[in-house]
N, C-alpha and C. Protein backbone atom coordinates (compact mmCIF):
# COMPACT_ATOMS: atom_id res chain seq x y z
N MET A 1 -16.27 10.29 6.31
CA MET A 1 -15.31 9.39 5.92
C MET A 1 -14.43 9.53 4.52
N ILE A 2 -14.84 11.31 4.10
CA ILE A 2 -12.80 11.01 3.05
C ILE A 2 -11.87 11.46 3.83
N ALA A 3 -11.77 11.08 5.57
CA ALA A 3 -10.54 11.15 5.99
C ALA A 3 -10.84 10.24 6.24
N GLU A 4 -11.02 8.94 6.60
CA GLU A 4 -11.00 7.90 6.95
C GLU A 4 -10.50 6.75 5.58
N ALA A 5 -10.73 7.78 4.20
CA ALA A 5 -10.67 7.07 3.19
C ALA A 5 -9.14 6.91 2.43
N ILE A 6 -9.39 8.85 3.08
CA ILE A 6 -7.16 9.30 3.04
C ILE A 6 -6.20 8.44 3.81
N LEU A 7 -6.77 7.74 4.55
CA LEU A 7 -6.09 7.30 5.27
C LEU A 7 -5.65 5.86 5.24
N LYS A 8 -6.86 5.82 4.54
CA LYS A 8 -7.23 3.43 3.82
C LYS A 8 -6.10 3.82 2.51
N LEU A 9 -5.69 4.88 2.20
CA LEU A 9 -4.99 5.09 1.79
C LEU A 9 -3.04 5.35 1.83
N LYS A 10 -3.70 5.94 2.69
CA LYS A 10 -2.06 6.21 3.50
C LYS A 10 -2.38 6.36 4.46
N LEU A 11 -2.24 4.87 5.28
CA LEU A 11 -2.04 5.66 7.04
C LEU A 11 -1.13 6.64 7.62
N ASP A 12 -0.69 7.08 7.13
CA ASP A 12 0.23 7.89 7.96
C ASP A 12 0.01 9.30 7.51
N ALA A 13 -0.96 9.81 6.75
CA ALA A 13 -0.82 10.53 6.01
C ALA A 13 -1.84 11.41 7.07
N GLN A 14 -1.11 12.74 6.87
CA GLN A 14 -1.28 14.14 8.00
C GLN A 14 -2.54 15.02 7.62
N VAL A 15 -4.12 14.96 7.19
CA VAL A 15 -4.80 15.81 6.59
C VAL A 15 -5.42 16.30 7.78
N THR A 16 -6.40 17.56 7.09
CA THR A 16 -7.77 17.94 7.49
C THR A 16 -7.90 18.28 6.80
N VAL A 17 -10.09 17.62 6.89
CA VAL A 17 -10.72 17.53 5.41
C VAL A 17 -11.58 18.61 6.38
N ASN A 18 -12.10 20.14 5.80
CA ASN A 18 -13.15 20.74 6.01
C ASN A 18 -14.16 20.45 4.78
N GLY A 19 -15.82 19.67 5.31
CA GLY A 19 -16.41 19.78 4.22
C GLY A 19 -16.39 18.10 4.26
N ASN A 20 -17.65 17.70 3.39
CA ASN A 20 -18.25 16.17 3.36
C ASN A 20 -18.48 15.93 2.63
N ASP A 21 -18.65 16.64 1.27
CA ASP A 21 -18.35 16.22 -0.10
C ASP A 21 -17.00 16.59 -1.59
N ILE A 22 -16.66 14.92 -1.49
CA ILE A 22 -15.30 15.05 -2.26
C ILE A 22 -14.69 16.09 -2.71
N ASP A 23 -16.35 16.58 -3.41
CA ASP A 23 -16.25 17.48 -4.72
C ASP A 23 -15.96 19.24 -4.48
N THR A 24 -16.57 19.66 -3.54
CA THR A 24 -15.83 20.93 -2.38
C THR A 24 -15.15 21.18 -1.46
N CYS A 25 -15.17 20.10 -1.36
CA CYS A 25 -14.20 19.93 0.02
C CYS A 25 -13.46 20.69 0.41
N GLU A 26 -12.80 21.00 1.03
CA GLU A 26 -11.21 21.87 0.98
C GLU A 26 -10.48 20.19 1.97
N ILE A 27 -9.56 20.12 1.29
CA ILE A 27 -8.49 18.86 1.59
C ILE A 27 -6.76 19.70 1.95
N ILE A 28 -6.67 19.60 3.38
CA ILE A 28 -5.47 20.65 3.88
C ILE A 28 -4.11 19.34 4.45
N TRP A 29 -3.09 19.21 3.29
CA TRP A 29 -2.39 18.16 3.42
C TRP A 29 -1.27 19.23 4.39
N HIS A 30 -1.59 17.79 5.49
CA HIS A 30 -0.42 18.24 6.01
C HIS A 30 1.17 18.60 5.85
N ASP A 31 1.17 17.10 5.55
CA ASP A 31 1.75 16.51 4.66
C ASP A 31 2.74 16.60 3.18
N ASN A 32 1.49 17.25 3.25
CA ASN A 32 2.14 17.99 1.30
C ASN A 32 1.63 17.12 0.50
N ASN A 33 1.07 15.76 1.20
CA ASN A 33 0.52 14.78 0.32
C ASN A 33 1.96 13.95 -0.62
N PRO A 34 2.03 13.79 -0.11
CA PRO A 34 3.95 12.78 -0.37
C PRO A 34 3.29 11.65 -1.80
N THR A 35 2.46 11.22 -1.46
CA THR A 35 2.23 10.17 -1.97
C THR A 35 1.69 10.20 -3.70
N ASN A 36 0.74 11.54 -3.98
CA ASN A 36 0.11 12.33 -4.59
C ASN A 36 -0.91 11.74 -4.47
N ILE A 37 -2.26 11.74 -3.71
CA ILE A 37 -3.31 10.92 -3.67
C ILE A 37 -3.97 11.57 -4.44
N THR A 38 -5.09 11.15 -5.55
CA THR A 38 -6.09 12.01 -6.18
C THR A 38 -7.49 11.90 -5.49
N LYS A 39 -7.97 13.24 -5.84
CA LYS A 39 -9.55 13.54 -5.66
C LYS A 39 -10.18 11.48 -6.44
N GLU A 40 -9.57 10.89 -7.28
CA GLU A 40 -9.83 10.16 -7.77
C GLU A 40 -9.87 8.36 -6.93
N GLN A 41 -8.89 8.47 -6.76
CA GLN A 41 -8.01 7.85 -5.35
C GLN A 41 -8.98 7.35 -4.40
N ILE A 42 -9.57 9.22 -4.14
CA ILE A 42 -10.12 8.85 -2.98
C ILE A 42 -11.83 8.49 -2.70
N LYS A 43 -12.38 8.93 -3.87
CA LYS A 43 -13.83 8.08 -4.13
C LYS A 43 -13.54 6.78 -4.35
N VAL A 44 -12.89 6.26 -5.07
CA VAL A 44 -12.82 4.66 -5.07
C VAL A 44 -12.72 3.86 -4.02
N ALA A 45 -11.68 4.83 -2.24
CA ALA A 45 -11.53 4.62 -1.60
C ALA A 45 -13.03 4.86 -0.74
N ILE A 46 -13.78 5.70 -0.72
CA ILE A 46 -14.66 5.92 -0.37
C ILE A 46 -15.92 5.19 -0.54
N SER A 47 -15.94 4.98 -1.82
CA SER A 47 -16.96 3.63 -2.21
C SER A 47 -16.85 2.56 -1.29
N GLU A 48 -15.00 2.32 -1.90
CA GLU A 48 -15.54 0.04 -1.03
C GLU A 48 -15.60 0.82 -0.06
N LEU A 49 -15.27 1.97 0.98
CA LEU A 49 -15.80 1.62 1.80
C LEU A 49 -17.17 1.54 2.80
N GLN A 50 -17.66 2.42 2.03
CA GLN A 50 -19.13 2.52 1.91
C GLN A 50 -19.68 0.91 1.38
N GLN A 51 -19.69 0.56 1.12
CA GLN A 51 -19.57 -0.61 0.62
C GLN A 51 -19.15 -1.76 1.15
N ASN A 52 -18.08 -1.81 1.92
CA ASN A 52 -17.86 -2.55 3.40
C ASN A 52 -18.40 -2.56 4.46
N GLU A 53 -19.16 -1.07 4.22
CA GLU A 53 -20.03 -1.00 5.75
C GLU A 53 -21.25 -1.81 5.38
N GLU A 54 -21.52 -1.73 4.30
CA GLU A 54 -23.55 -1.98 3.67
C GLU A 54 -23.20 -4.04 4.36
N THR A 55 -22.33 -4.50 3.72
CA THR A 55 -21.50 -5.88 4.02
C THR A 55 -22.30 -5.93 5.97
N LYS A 56 -21.16 -5.35 6.20
CA LYS A 56 -21.09 -5.65 7.49
C LYS A 56 -22.55 -5.08 8.20
N LYS A 57 -23.48 -3.92 7.17
CA LYS A 57 -24.84 -4.45 8.11
C LYS A 57 -25.61 -5.33 7.38
N ALA A 58 -25.60 -6.07 5.95
CA ALA A 58 -26.14 -7.11 6.40
C ALA A 58 -25.99 -8.20 6.83
N SER A 59 -24.82 -8.45 6.78
CA SER A 59 -24.10 -9.53 7.92
C SER A 59 -24.95 -9.93 9.40
N ALA A 60 -24.42 -8.18 10.05
CA ALA A 60 -25.57 -7.75 10.94
C ALA A 60 -27.20 -8.69 11.40
N LYS A 61 -28.09 -8.29 10.17
CA LYS A 61 -29.34 -8.24 10.22
C LYS A 61 -29.41 -9.91 10.01
N GLU A 62 -29.05 -10.08 8.89
CA GLU A 62 -28.82 -11.42 9.44
C GLU A 62 -28.28 -12.68 10.29
N LYS A 63 -27.84 -12.36 11.02
CA LYS A 63 -27.34 -12.76 12.31
C LYS A 63 -28.43 -12.51 13.20
N LEU A 64 -29.17 -11.23 13.14
CA LEU A 64 -29.90 -11.09 13.89
C LEU A 64 -32.12 -11.93 14.00
N LEU A 65 -31.70 -11.90 12.33
CA LEU A 65 -33.07 -12.41 12.12
C LEU A 65 -32.35 -14.17 12.83
N ALA A 66 -31.31 -14.42 12.83
CA ALA A 66 -31.64 -15.80 12.79
C ALA A 66 -31.72 -16.29 14.24
N LEU A 67 -31.19 -15.24 15.11
CA LEU A 67 -31.47 -14.95 16.38
C LEU A 67 -32.75 -15.07 16.45
N GLY A 68 -33.81 -14.72 15.64
CA GLY A 68 -35.38 -14.50 15.45
C GLY A 68 -35.86 -13.58 15.80
N LEU A 69 -35.32 -12.38 15.78
CA LEU A 69 -35.88 -10.67 15.66
C LEU A 69 -36.19 -10.91 14.48
N THR A 70 -37.60 -10.44 14.26
CA THR A 70 -38.60 -9.87 12.76
C THR A 70 -37.82 -8.27 12.35
N GLU A 71 -37.64 -8.37 11.04
CA GLU A 71 -37.95 -7.38 10.56
C GLU A 71 -38.04 -5.65 11.61
N GLU A 72 -39.20 -6.16 11.41
CA GLU A 72 -39.64 -5.04 11.60
C GLU A 72 -38.69 -4.36 13.29
N GLU A 73 -38.12 -5.54 14.55
CA GLU A 73 -37.45 -5.79 15.34
C GLU A 73 -36.40 -4.43 15.02
N ILE A 74 -35.46 -5.55 14.65
CA ILE A 74 -34.34 -5.01 13.65
C ILE A 74 -34.35 -3.58 13.45
N LYS A 75 -34.76 -3.26 12.49
CA LYS A 75 -35.39 -1.90 11.90
C LYS A 75 -35.36 -0.95 13.05
N LEU A 76 -36.84 -0.83 13.88
CA LEU A 76 -36.79 -0.04 14.98
C LEU A 76 -35.53 -0.01 15.36
N THR A 77 -35.16 -1.05 16.21
CA THR A 77 -34.46 -1.12 17.19
C THR A 77 -32.71 -0.60 16.67
N PHE A 78 -32.09 -1.51 15.67
CA PHE A 78 -30.90 -0.73 14.48
C PHE A 78 -30.44 0.10 13.43
N GLY A 79 -32.05 0.53 13.13
CA GLY A 79 -31.97 1.11 11.88
C GLY A 79 -31.52 0.46 10.78
N ILE A 80 -31.45 -0.62 11.06
CA ILE A 80 -30.81 -1.69 9.00
C ILE A 80 -32.32 -2.18 9.11
């Protein structure tokens, strides 16, 4: 999700991320980070992406409930 957050901040960023924790991962900027993206900016972008993901899951669950599925069926089938 770190690379996705960086690309949210700069669509054409050329970067490799080694690790899953923003505080300990290695970020290799192949384009020398021309817009000086900071870890704090990446953390905010990660939070926004996670929030968007949760909103989409909640929306999907509401739609499935409206179709007549039970909470248990939704959880077992879709994990939400």
